[in-house]
Amino acid sequence: MVRIEVTVNGQVRGCDGVSPHTNLLDWLRDAGLTGSKEGCAEGECGACAVMVSRPDGPDGSRWTSVNACLPPALAFDGQEIVTAEGLGRAAGACTGKQLHPVQQEMAERGGSQCGYCTPGFVCSMAAEYYRPERSASTADESGDLIPDPPDPQEKSHTGTSAVGEEHTTDHEKGPNGFDLHALSGNLCRCTGYRPIRDAAFALSTPDASDPLLLRQDNPAPAARPTHRAVDGAEFVRPHTMAELFRLLERDPDAKLVSGSTDLGVEINLRHSRPALVVAIDRLEPLRTLTVDADRIEIGAALTLSEVERGLHGRVPLLDELFPRFASRLIRNAATFGGNLATGSPIGDSAPVLLALDAVIVLASTDGDREVPLSEYYTGYRQSVRKPGELVRSVRIPLPLAEQSAFYKISKRRFDDISSVAVGFAAQLDEGVVSSIRIGVGGIAATPLRARRTEEALQGHPWTSANVTAAASILATEGTPIDDLRASARYRSAMLEQSLLRFFAHTQRSTVEVAR
């Protein structure tokens, strides 16, 4: 049997005796690498963040930050990981200093107080430090670096709308190209974020001899088949789709994982112990991204971050979704396939994909079949997916509607669960609604299309009076409930306001086009 091993900070470590239910964080800490911490055990605080080498193009790789508290340690068989401890060693190899530039800036600018969250912040910051697109944007036209952080007292020019619409603000991207969304999944409970932001914005480009920078010029480790059975639990990384289907035939209740952002929470907090865990994140047939004349197809195992980079802004509605979907740490692991297959009524992707009229492709030994997302869910976390089937991809038909928007109502702008999420996509021809789709989450046992509201608007003039009347219908869609996130009355009110907000958005867009 091939030995299961992971390269951590340049050292190969064996995973002998590791259970399929042991997450990466626990394994690292048991190995003496205690920099990473457990703060929440559900991927919301980032204290456990580490960097992993992931594919980037045919010949390169990129350091990607992920939560270590969620994925199984065995999922990193053959992979390369860097922890906060390893950053200092890399710095010493190229500069002779004991601290990595990220660690140095955090120390000098007071970005750490109790220090519990600092190793996670440092790893997320380091992944952004090495991001190829950032490095390319840190020089001005003369080639000089711009290292000075902005004035902390400088006011932001844009912000959050009344219904939670997120806009990129000037202070979210530094003059050195550092994108603060890289830290959206890292929470600090004592220091405050200004010195952490100042440290991020003070970073220059990596030294040309930095071994972690040079590592990105080479491919990430290839996925390899993995199998481990311990105490009645089994972890398998199949090498082919045929092998995957055989596993599903053997155990239809097997848990398929890609980023493990859902199963990891079930294991950590609800003590779930599935008998068979199957990792599908590196199966190439599930990692395709194609753009044709009539549709876009997104593989079920592509992470949201990979989809965002791959689409390059081709789908504006998805561009609105990505920053509001959990955090960068989660998006670096989560997938559309997992988010839809889980069937949560408050999953953020479903309302947007419903508005885009998306189709799910289900695969099995019998072949592929297409199911409109609007017909996929049959009840709370239930769907038409049959035993032995899995989500292969998501298809978005083209052309896209000219007007679209996504509104997420939550208590925090980022890294939070929605109370209500609404996606709009409308085509207006000479002031008349020729087509409109409204996807809604958080108001029923499943994500749904607001059919009655769509019917009230379809074929009618896009006027304030008609939209106001339709908004009152939207407020009655679904069966919202009272819970810790919001009351039923509040959810209904936000539904109504979201359509009014969308109308105002389209009016602004029309004026801008006219100019």
Protein backbone atom coordinates (compact mmCIF):
# COMPACT_ATOMS: atom_id res chain seq x y z
CA MET A 1 0.00 0.00 0.00
CA VAL A 2 1.28 3.47 -0.92
CA ARG A 3 2.14 5.51 2.16
CA ILE A 4 -0.06 8.57 2.77
CA GLU A 5 2.09 11.64 3.37
CA VAL A 6 1.91 15.42 3.28
CA THR A 7 4.71 17.93 2.76
CA VAL A 8 4.50 20.54 5.53
CA ASN A 9 6.93 23.47 5.53
CA GLY A 10 9.20 21.50 3.21
CA GLN A 11 9.25 18.36 5.37
CA VAL A 12 7.47 15.16 4.34
CA ARG A 13 5.27 13.85 7.15
CA GLY A 14 3.49 10.52 7.19
CA CYS A 15 -0.20 10.11 8.07
CA ASP A 16 0.08 6.66 9.58
CA GLY A 17 -2.98 5.76 11.62
CA VAL A 18 -4.80 9.02 10.88
CA SER A 19 -8.59 8.61 10.88
CA PRO A 20 -10.72 9.73 7.91
CA HIS A 21 -12.50 12.03 10.37
CA THR A 22 -9.34 13.79 11.63
CA ASN A 23 -9.19 17.29 10.18
CA LEU A 24 -6.03 18.95 8.97
CA LEU A 25 -5.82 21.29 11.96
CA ASP A 26 -5.88 18.52 14.54
CA TRP A 27 -3.28 16.56 12.59
CA LEU A 28 -0.95 19.58 12.38
CA ARG A 29 -1.29 20.35 16.07
CA ASP A 30 -0.70 16.72 17.01
CA ALA A 31 2.52 16.97 14.96
CA GLY A 32 3.69 19.90 17.10
CA LEU A 33 2.74 22.71 14.70
CA THR A 34 0.58 24.60 17.15
CA GLY A 35 0.61 28.01 15.48
CA SER A 36 -2.75 27.35 13.83
CA LYS A 37 -5.60 27.51 16.34
CA GLU A 38 -9.17 26.33 16.62
CA GLY A 39 -11.47 29.27 17.23
CA CYS A 40 -14.85 28.17 15.91
CA ALA A 41 -14.47 24.74 14.26
CA GLU A 42 -16.81 25.83 11.45
CA GLY A 43 -14.69 27.97 9.14
CA GLU A 44 -15.86 31.38 10.32
CA CYS A 45 -12.89 32.81 12.24
CA GLY A 46 -9.77 31.91 10.24
CA ALA A 47 -7.56 31.24 13.28
CA CYS A 48 -6.69 27.88 11.69
CA ALA A 49 -5.71 29.19 8.24
CA VAL A 50 -2.78 27.65 6.37
CA MET A 51 -1.49 27.88 2.80
CA VAL A 52 -1.68 25.04 0.30
CA SER A 53 -0.18 24.85 -3.18
CA ARG A 54 -2.96 24.71 -5.78
CA PRO A 55 -2.87 24.47 -9.60
CA ASP A 56 -2.76 27.76 -11.53
CA GLY A 57 -2.69 27.24 -15.26
CA PRO A 58 -0.96 24.36 -17.00
CA ASP A 59 2.52 24.97 -15.61
CA GLY A 60 2.18 27.07 -12.47
CA SER A 61 0.73 27.05 -8.99
CA ARG A 62 -0.42 29.55 -6.40
CA TRP A 63 -0.40 29.59 -2.64
CA THR A 64 -3.99 29.42 -1.52
CA SER A 65 -5.26 30.05 2.01
CA VAL A 66 -7.74 27.55 3.44
CA ASN A 67 -9.30 26.76 6.80
CA ALA A 68 -7.51 23.78 8.32
CA CYS A 69 -10.34 22.97 10.75
CA LEU A 70 -12.69 21.63 8.05
CA PRO A 71 -11.02 19.32 5.48
CA PRO A 72 -9.77 15.84 6.38
CA ALA A 73 -6.03 15.61 6.78
CA LEU A 74 -6.06 12.65 4.38
CA ALA A 75 -7.40 14.93 1.63
CA PHE A 76 -3.92 16.50 1.47
CA ASP A 77 -2.12 13.27 0.59
CA GLY A 78 0.78 14.22 -1.68
CA GLN A 79 0.11 17.95 -1.28
CA GLU A 80 2.25 20.83 0.00
CA ILE A 81 1.24 22.95 2.99
CA VAL A 82 2.83 25.97 4.64
CA THR A 83 1.91 27.03 8.17
CA ALA A 84 2.80 30.21 10.06
CA GLU A 85 5.91 28.43 11.34
CA GLY A 86 7.02 27.70 7.80
CA LEU A 87 6.74 31.33 6.69
CA GLY A 88 9.53 32.36 9.04
CA ARG A 89 11.76 29.55 7.77
CA ALA A 90 11.17 30.63 4.17
CA ALA A 91 12.08 34.21 5.08
CA GLY A 92 15.28 33.04 6.72
CA ALA A 93 16.24 31.07 3.62
CA CYS A 94 16.16 34.17 1.39
CA THR A 95 16.90 37.13 3.69
CA GLY A 96 18.48 35.70 6.80
CA LYS A 97 15.75 37.31 8.93
CA GLN A 98 13.67 35.38 11.43
CA LEU A 99 10.36 36.90 10.35
CA HIS A 100 8.56 36.74 7.03
CA PRO A 101 7.73 40.22 5.61
CA VAL A 102 4.08 39.67 6.51
CA GLN A 103 4.99 38.74 10.07
CA GLN A 104 7.36 41.71 10.28
CA GLU A 105 4.72 44.22 9.21
CA MET A 106 2.16 42.76 11.61
CA ALA A 107 4.64 43.11 14.47
CA GLU A 108 5.81 46.63 13.61
CA ARG A 109 2.32 48.04 13.08
CA GLY A 110 0.71 46.52 16.16
CA GLY A 111 -1.41 43.99 14.29
CA SER A 112 -1.28 41.44 17.08
CA GLN A 113 -2.33 41.68 20.71
CA CYS A 114 -3.33 38.39 22.34
CA GLY A 115 -1.94 36.63 19.27
CA TYR A 116 -4.51 33.85 19.07
CA CYS A 117 -5.77 34.81 15.61
CA THR A 118 -2.42 36.10 14.32
CA PRO A 119 -1.06 32.89 12.70
CA GLY A 120 -4.28 32.59 10.66
CA PHE A 121 -4.14 36.24 9.65
CA VAL A 122 -0.52 35.84 8.66
CA CYS A 123 -1.24 32.85 6.41
CA SER A 124 -4.20 34.55 4.69
CA MET A 125 -2.12 37.69 4.26
CA ALA A 126 0.83 35.73 2.90
CA ALA A 127 -1.36 34.01 0.28
CA GLU A 128 -2.44 37.45 -0.91
CA TYR A 129 1.18 38.66 -0.70
CA TYR A 130 2.15 35.98 -3.23
CA ARG A 131 -0.95 36.34 -5.43
CA PRO A 132 0.45 36.76 -8.97
CA GLU A 133 -2.11 39.41 -9.95
CA ARG A 134 -1.20 41.52 -6.92
CA SER A 135 2.51 41.34 -7.61
CA ALA A 136 1.88 42.52 -11.15
CA SER A 137 -0.12 45.54 -9.95
CA THR A 138 2.14 46.86 -7.17
CA ALA A 139 4.32 48.93 -9.46
CA ASP A 140 3.26 52.19 -11.08
CA GLU A 141 4.11 53.13 -14.66
CA SER A 142 7.67 54.04 -13.67
CA GLY A 143 8.11 50.67 -11.98
CA ASP A 144 8.42 52.13 -8.50
CA LEU A 145 6.68 50.46 -5.62
CA ILE A 146 4.02 52.29 -3.66
CA PRO A 147 4.46 50.91 -0.13
CA ASP A 148 2.84 53.58 2.03
CA PRO A 149 -0.51 52.57 3.56
CA PRO A 150 -3.47 54.95 3.19
CA ASP A 151 -4.51 57.39 5.85
CA PRO A 152 -6.66 55.35 8.30
CA GLN A 153 -8.92 58.38 8.74
CA GLU A 154 -9.63 58.71 5.03
CA LYS A 155 -13.30 58.20 4.30
CA SER A 156 -14.63 55.54 1.98
CA HIS A 157 -16.47 56.77 -1.09
CA THR A 158 -18.95 53.93 -1.34
CA GLY A 159 -20.46 51.40 0.99
CA THR A 160 -23.34 49.06 1.66
CA SER A 161 -26.86 49.66 0.42
CA ALA A 162 -29.96 49.57 2.57
CA VAL A 163 -30.58 45.95 1.62
CA GLY A 164 -27.00 44.76 1.88
CA GLU A 165 -25.71 45.36 -1.64
CA GLU A 166 -21.93 45.12 -1.50
CA HIS A 167 -19.74 47.50 -3.45
CA THR A 168 -15.97 47.46 -3.69
CA THR A 169 -14.64 50.46 -1.82
CA ASP A 170 -11.38 52.33 -2.20
CA HIS A 171 -10.18 51.22 1.22
CA GLU A 172 -10.72 47.53 0.38
CA LYS A 173 -7.81 47.54 -2.07
CA GLY A 174 -4.51 49.07 -1.13
CA PRO A 175 -2.08 51.07 -3.29
CA ASN A 176 0.10 47.96 -3.28
CA GLY A 177 -2.71 45.91 -4.86
CA PHE A 178 -3.54 44.07 -1.62
CA ASP A 179 -7.20 43.00 -1.66
CA LEU A 180 -8.66 43.08 1.83
CA HIS A 181 -11.20 40.44 0.81
CA ALA A 182 -8.27 38.05 1.35
CA LEU A 183 -8.79 38.66 5.08
CA SER A 184 -12.59 38.55 5.09
CA GLY A 185 -12.58 35.15 6.79
CA ASN A 186 -10.18 36.14 9.57
CA LEU A 187 -11.69 37.58 12.74
CA CYS A 188 -9.75 39.53 15.38
CA ARG A 189 -11.28 39.78 18.83
CA CYS A 190 -9.00 42.35 20.48
CA THR A 191 -6.53 44.25 18.30
CA GLY A 192 -8.91 45.88 15.87
CA TYR A 193 -8.56 45.85 12.13
CA ARG A 194 -6.86 49.17 11.36
CA PRO A 195 -3.30 48.08 12.25
CA ILE A 196 -3.87 44.79 10.44
CA ARG A 197 -5.01 46.69 7.36
CA ASP A 198 -2.02 49.03 7.66
CA ALA A 199 0.30 46.01 7.74
CA ALA A 200 -1.35 44.56 4.63
CA PHE A 201 -1.13 47.84 2.72
CA ALA A 202 2.54 48.33 3.68
CA LEU A 203 3.70 45.12 1.98
CA SER A 204 5.84 45.45 -1.14
CA THR A 205 6.54 42.69 -3.64
CA PRO A 206 8.24 39.42 -2.62
CA ASP A 207 11.99 39.21 -2.98
CA ALA A 208 13.01 37.60 -6.26
CA SER A 209 14.85 34.87 -4.35
CA ASP A 210 11.91 34.08 -2.05
CA PRO A 211 11.52 30.28 -2.21
CA LEU A 212 7.75 30.47 -1.77
CA LEU A 213 7.53 32.89 -4.70
CA LEU A 214 9.74 30.68 -6.86
CA ARG A 215 7.61 27.67 -5.96
CA GLN A 216 4.73 29.19 -7.90
CA ASP A 217 6.67 28.85 -11.16
CA ASN A 218 6.21 25.08 -10.95
CA PRO A 219 3.02 22.98 -11.03
CA ALA A 220 1.24 22.03 -7.83
CA PRO A 221 1.55 18.38 -6.82
CA ALA A 222 -0.67 16.16 -8.91
CA ALA A 223 -3.57 14.42 -7.23
CA ARG A 224 -2.99 10.77 -6.46
CA PRO A 225 -5.34 7.96 -5.49
CA THR A 226 -5.71 7.64 -1.73
CA HIS A 227 -7.26 4.97 0.44
CA ARG A 228 -7.37 4.63 4.20
CA ALA A 229 -9.65 2.50 6.39
CA VAL A 230 -9.45 2.92 10.18
CA ASP A 231 -11.90 1.70 12.83
CA GLY A 232 -14.81 1.19 10.46
CA ALA A 233 -14.35 4.53 8.65
CA GLU A 234 -12.96 4.81 5.15
CA PHE A 235 -11.48 7.65 3.08
CA VAL A 236 -11.03 7.24 -0.67
CA ARG A 237 -9.79 9.60 -3.37
CA PRO A 238 -10.76 7.86 -6.63
CA HIS A 239 -8.59 8.33 -9.69
CA THR A 240 -11.35 8.06 -12.29
CA MET A 241 -15.08 8.68 -12.64
CA ALA A 242 -15.61 4.95 -13.16
CA GLU A 243 -14.02 4.26 -9.78
CA LEU A 244 -16.19 6.97 -8.22
CA PHE A 245 -19.37 5.41 -9.60
CA ARG A 246 -18.33 2.02 -8.26
CA LEU A 247 -17.93 3.53 -4.80
CA LEU A 248 -21.39 5.12 -5.03
CA GLU A 249 -22.87 1.82 -6.16
CA ARG A 250 -21.27 0.09 -3.20
CA ASP A 251 -22.45 2.76 -0.72
CA PRO A 252 -25.12 5.20 -1.96
CA ASP A 253 -24.82 7.06 1.39
CA ALA A 254 -21.14 7.86 0.87
CA LYS A 255 -20.26 11.47 1.64
CA LEU A 256 -18.75 13.26 -1.36
CA VAL A 257 -16.41 16.08 -0.38
CA SER A 258 -14.56 18.72 -2.32
CA GLY A 259 -13.75 21.54 0.08
CA SER A 260 -15.49 19.86 3.05
CA THR A 261 -16.92 23.24 4.08
CA ASP A 262 -20.20 21.56 5.03
CA LEU A 263 -19.18 18.05 6.09
CA GLY A 264 -16.36 19.48 8.20
CA VAL A 265 -18.90 21.38 10.28
CA GLU A 266 -21.05 18.25 10.63
CA ILE A 267 -18.05 16.29 11.90
CA ASN A 268 -16.74 19.00 14.23
CA LEU A 269 -19.95 20.27 15.79
CA ARG A 270 -22.54 17.55 15.26
CA HIS A 271 -20.12 14.63 15.65
CA SER A 272 -21.15 13.04 12.37
CA ARG A 273 -19.01 10.04 11.50
CA PRO A 274 -19.78 8.88 7.94
CA ALA A 275 -18.62 5.38 7.12
CA LEU A 276 -17.28 6.36 3.70
CA VAL A 277 -15.84 9.75 2.68
CA VAL A 278 -15.00 10.19 -1.00
CA ALA A 279 -12.85 13.11 -2.13
CA ILE A 280 -13.78 14.35 -5.60
CA ASP A 281 -12.02 17.74 -5.59
CA ARG A 282 -9.23 16.72 -7.98
CA LEU A 283 -11.21 14.66 -10.50
CA GLU A 284 -10.53 16.45 -13.79
CA PRO A 285 -13.94 15.69 -15.41
CA LEU A 286 -15.51 17.69 -12.54
CA ARG A 287 -13.07 20.59 -12.89
CA THR A 288 -13.88 21.95 -16.33
CA LEU A 289 -14.88 25.51 -17.19
CA THR A 290 -16.11 26.15 -20.72
CA VAL A 291 -17.67 29.19 -22.39
CA ASP A 292 -19.57 28.48 -25.60
CA ALA A 293 -21.83 30.64 -27.73
CA ASP A 294 -24.99 29.45 -26.00
CA ARG A 295 -23.87 28.56 -22.48
CA ILE A 296 -21.26 28.59 -19.73
CA GLU A 297 -20.53 25.27 -18.01
CA ILE A 298 -18.91 25.18 -14.58
CA GLY A 299 -17.52 21.92 -13.21
CA ALA A 300 -18.91 20.85 -9.85
CA ALA A 301 -15.47 20.51 -8.22
CA LEU A 302 -14.05 23.89 -9.23
CA THR A 303 -13.70 26.16 -6.23
CA LEU A 304 -15.56 29.45 -6.28
CA SER A 305 -12.26 31.32 -6.37
CA GLU A 306 -11.21 29.33 -9.44
CA VAL A 307 -14.54 30.07 -11.11
CA GLU A 308 -14.21 33.76 -10.32
CA ARG A 309 -10.74 33.92 -11.89
CA GLY A 310 -11.73 31.76 -14.83
CA LEU A 311 -14.80 33.76 -15.83
CA HIS A 312 -12.99 37.11 -15.74
CA GLY A 313 -16.19 39.07 -15.13
CA ARG A 314 -18.23 37.44 -17.90
CA VAL A 315 -21.22 37.02 -15.56
CA PRO A 316 -21.87 40.27 -13.65
CA LEU A 317 -24.40 38.61 -11.34
CA LEU A 318 -21.79 36.10 -10.19
CA ASP A 319 -19.36 38.96 -9.64
CA GLU A 320 -21.86 40.38 -7.17
CA LEU A 321 -22.22 37.00 -5.46
CA PHE A 322 -18.57 36.10 -4.96
CA PRO A 323 -17.57 38.80 -2.42
CA ARG A 324 -20.68 38.10 -0.34
CA PHE A 325 -20.33 34.31 -0.35
CA ALA A 326 -18.84 33.51 3.08
CA SER A 327 -15.18 34.54 2.90
CA ARG A 328 -12.13 34.10 0.70
CA LEU A 329 -10.98 31.24 2.93
CA ILE A 330 -14.26 29.42 2.26
CA ARG A 331 -14.42 30.34 -1.44
CA ASN A 332 -10.94 28.87 -1.86
CA ALA A 333 -12.44 25.48 -1.00
CA ALA A 334 -16.21 25.64 -1.58
CA THR A 335 -17.83 24.69 -4.89
CA PHE A 336 -21.10 25.29 -6.69
CA GLY A 337 -21.58 21.53 -6.83
CA GLY A 338 -21.34 21.18 -3.06
CA ASN A 339 -23.40 24.28 -2.28
CA LEU A 340 -26.26 23.10 -4.49
CA ALA A 341 -26.09 19.41 -3.59
CA THR A 342 -26.22 20.20 0.12
CA GLY A 343 -29.62 21.79 -0.48
CA SER A 344 -29.52 24.40 2.26
CA PRO A 345 -32.37 26.91 1.89
CA ILE A 346 -29.96 29.69 2.86
CA GLY A 347 -27.16 28.75 0.47
CA ASP A 348 -26.07 31.92 -1.31
CA SER A 349 -25.46 30.50 -4.78
CA ALA A 350 -28.95 29.12 -5.45
CA PRO A 351 -30.82 32.48 -5.67
CA VAL A 352 -28.25 33.80 -8.14
CA LEU A 353 -28.22 30.64 -10.25
CA LEU A 354 -32.03 30.53 -10.23
CA ALA A 355 -32.06 34.08 -11.59
CA LEU A 356 -29.58 32.96 -14.26
CA ASP A 357 -31.93 30.09 -15.22
CA ALA A 358 -29.18 27.58 -14.48
CA VAL A 359 -29.38 23.87 -15.22
CA ILE A 360 -27.77 21.14 -13.12
CA VAL A 361 -26.09 18.25 -14.92
CA LEU A 362 -26.39 14.99 -12.95
CA ALA A 363 -24.05 12.13 -13.80
CA SER A 364 -24.28 8.39 -13.13
CA THR A 365 -23.38 5.11 -14.78
CA ASP A 366 -26.46 5.63 -16.96
CA GLY A 367 -25.00 8.85 -18.38
CA ASP A 368 -25.82 12.50 -17.84
CA ARG A 369 -29.18 14.18 -17.44
CA GLU A 370 -30.12 17.84 -17.15
CA VAL A 371 -32.44 19.24 -14.49
CA PRO A 372 -33.41 22.93 -14.32
CA LEU A 373 -32.32 24.25 -10.93
CA SER A 374 -35.87 25.55 -10.43
CA GLU A 375 -37.07 21.91 -10.51
CA TYR A 376 -34.17 20.36 -8.59
CA TYR A 377 -35.34 20.74 -4.98
CA THR A 378 -38.29 18.74 -3.66
CA GLY A 379 -38.13 19.60 0.05
CA TYR A 380 -35.83 20.61 2.86
CA ARG A 381 -32.38 19.35 1.79
CA GLN A 382 -34.09 16.97 -0.63
CA SER A 383 -33.81 16.85 -4.40
CA VAL A 384 -34.50 14.80 -7.52
CA ARG A 385 -30.95 13.43 -7.42
CA LYS A 386 -31.12 9.62 -7.38
CA PRO A 387 -28.88 7.19 -5.49
CA GLY A 388 -25.67 6.78 -7.45
CA GLU A 389 -25.94 10.22 -9.07
CA LEU A 390 -23.77 13.24 -8.43
CA VAL A 391 -23.68 16.82 -9.64
CA ARG A 392 -21.27 16.96 -12.57
CA SER A 393 -21.64 20.62 -13.56
CA VAL A 394 -23.81 23.73 -13.64
CA ARG A 395 -24.85 25.24 -16.98
CA ILE A 396 -25.78 28.90 -17.41
CA PRO A 397 -27.55 29.71 -20.69
CA LEU A 398 -26.42 32.62 -22.83
CA PRO A 399 -27.07 35.41 -23.62
CA LEU A 400 -27.44 36.89 -20.17
CA ALA A 401 -30.16 39.33 -19.19
CA GLU A 402 -28.96 42.92 -19.46
CA GLN A 403 -30.12 43.93 -15.98
CA SER A 404 -29.19 41.94 -12.87
CA ALA A 405 -28.47 42.36 -9.18
CA PHE A 406 -27.86 40.29 -6.06
CA TYR A 407 -28.95 41.42 -2.60
CA LYS A 408 -27.94 39.59 0.55
CA ILE A 409 -29.40 40.65 3.87
CA SER A 410 -27.20 39.59 6.78
CA LYS A 411 -25.93 40.97 10.06
CA ARG A 412 -22.37 41.31 8.73
CA ARG A 413 -21.28 42.38 5.26
CA PHE A 414 -18.95 39.42 4.86
CA ASP A 415 -18.47 35.95 6.31
CA ASP A 416 -22.07 35.60 7.44
CA ILE A 417 -25.20 33.57 6.81
CA SER A 418 -27.99 35.35 4.97
CA SER A 419 -31.37 36.14 6.45
CA VAL A 420 -32.68 36.67 2.93
CA ALA A 421 -30.87 36.49 -0.41
CA VAL A 422 -32.41 37.60 -3.70
CA GLY A 423 -31.10 37.39 -7.27
CA PHE A 424 -32.66 39.36 -10.13
CA ALA A 425 -32.14 39.04 -13.87
CA ALA A 426 -34.36 41.07 -16.22
CA GLN A 427 -34.45 41.90 -19.89
CA LEU A 428 -36.13 45.22 -20.69
CA ASP A 429 -37.08 46.01 -24.29
CA GLU A 430 -38.22 49.58 -24.90
CA GLY A 431 -39.33 49.90 -21.31
CA VAL A 432 -41.26 46.62 -21.20
CA VAL A 433 -40.25 43.52 -19.24
CA SER A 434 -39.64 40.86 -21.88
CA SER A 435 -38.25 38.40 -19.32
CA ILE A 436 -37.51 38.37 -15.60
CA ARG A 437 -36.33 35.73 -13.17
CA ILE A 438 -36.19 36.18 -9.41
CA GLY A 439 -34.37 33.63 -7.24
CA VAL A 440 -34.91 33.76 -3.48
CA GLY A 441 -33.32 32.02 -0.51
CA GLY A 442 -34.08 32.07 3.20
CA ILE A 443 -37.87 32.28 2.97
CA ALA A 444 -38.90 28.64 2.51
CA ALA A 445 -37.69 25.07 2.99
CA THR A 446 -35.89 25.33 -0.37
CA PRO A 447 -34.49 28.07 -2.58
CA LEU A 448 -37.22 29.04 -5.05
CA ARG A 449 -38.27 31.18 -7.98
CA ALA A 450 -40.69 34.00 -7.13
CA ARG A 451 -43.12 32.89 -9.84
CA ARG A 452 -46.10 35.06 -8.90
CA THR A 453 -43.96 38.18 -8.86
CA GLU A 454 -42.40 37.27 -12.19
CA GLU A 455 -45.86 36.80 -13.72
CA ALA A 456 -46.98 40.18 -12.39
CA LEU A 457 -44.10 41.88 -14.19
CA GLN A 458 -43.72 39.81 -17.37
CA GLY A 459 -44.90 41.70 -20.46
CA HIS A 460 -45.74 44.88 -18.53
CA PRO A 461 -44.06 48.30 -18.60
CA TRP A 462 -41.15 48.64 -16.18
CA THR A 463 -42.64 51.55 -14.26
CA SER A 464 -42.60 52.62 -10.65
CA ALA A 465 -46.29 51.86 -10.23
CA ASN A 466 -46.02 48.34 -11.67
CA VAL A 467 -42.86 47.54 -9.72
CA THR A 468 -44.39 48.79 -6.48
CA ALA A 469 -47.42 46.57 -7.01
CA ALA A 470 -45.18 43.59 -7.82
CA ALA A 471 -43.02 44.29 -4.76
CA SER A 472 -46.06 43.84 -2.54
CA ILE A 473 -46.56 40.42 -4.16
CA LEU A 474 -42.91 39.52 -3.64
CA ALA A 475 -43.38 40.22 0.07
CA THR A 476 -45.88 37.35 0.19
CA GLU A 477 -43.75 34.75 -1.62
CA GLY A 478 -42.53 31.73 0.29
CA THR A 479 -43.16 30.86 3.93
CA PRO A 480 -40.69 32.93 5.98
CA ILE A 481 -40.25 32.06 9.65
CA ASP A 482 -39.03 33.73 12.83
CA ASP A 483 -35.56 32.60 13.91
CA LEU A 484 -32.35 33.96 15.39
CA ARG A 485 -31.33 35.69 12.15
CA ALA A 486 -34.57 37.56 11.43
CA SER A 487 -38.30 37.61 11.93
CA ALA A 488 -40.75 36.52 9.25
CA ARG A 489 -42.03 40.10 9.05
CA TYR A 490 -38.53 41.45 8.49
CA ARG A 491 -37.82 38.90 5.77
CA SER A 492 -41.03 39.83 3.95
CA ALA A 493 -40.18 43.51 4.22
CA MET A 494 -36.71 42.90 2.78
CA LEU A 495 -38.19 40.97 -0.13
CA GLU A 496 -40.39 43.93 -0.96
CA GLN A 497 -37.56 46.43 -0.59
CA SER A 498 -35.21 44.35 -2.72
CA LEU A 499 -37.40 44.70 -5.81
CA LEU A 500 -37.75 48.44 -5.24
CA ARG A 501 -33.98 48.63 -4.92
CA PHE A 502 -33.53 46.67 -8.12
CA PHE A 503 -35.86 49.07 -9.92
CA ALA A 504 -33.80 52.03 -8.71
CA HIS A 505 -30.65 50.21 -9.83
CA THR A 506 -32.02 49.74 -13.36
CA GLN A 507 -33.02 53.39 -13.55
CA ARG A 508 -29.49 54.46 -12.68
CA SER A 509 -28.09 52.05 -15.24
CA THR A 510 -30.37 53.48 -17.92
CA VAL A 511 -29.24 57.03 -17.14
CA GLU A 512 -25.57 56.00 -17.24
CA VAL A 513 -26.01 54.31 -20.62
CA ALA A 514 -27.81 57.39 -21.97
CA ARG A 515 -24.86 59.55 -20.96
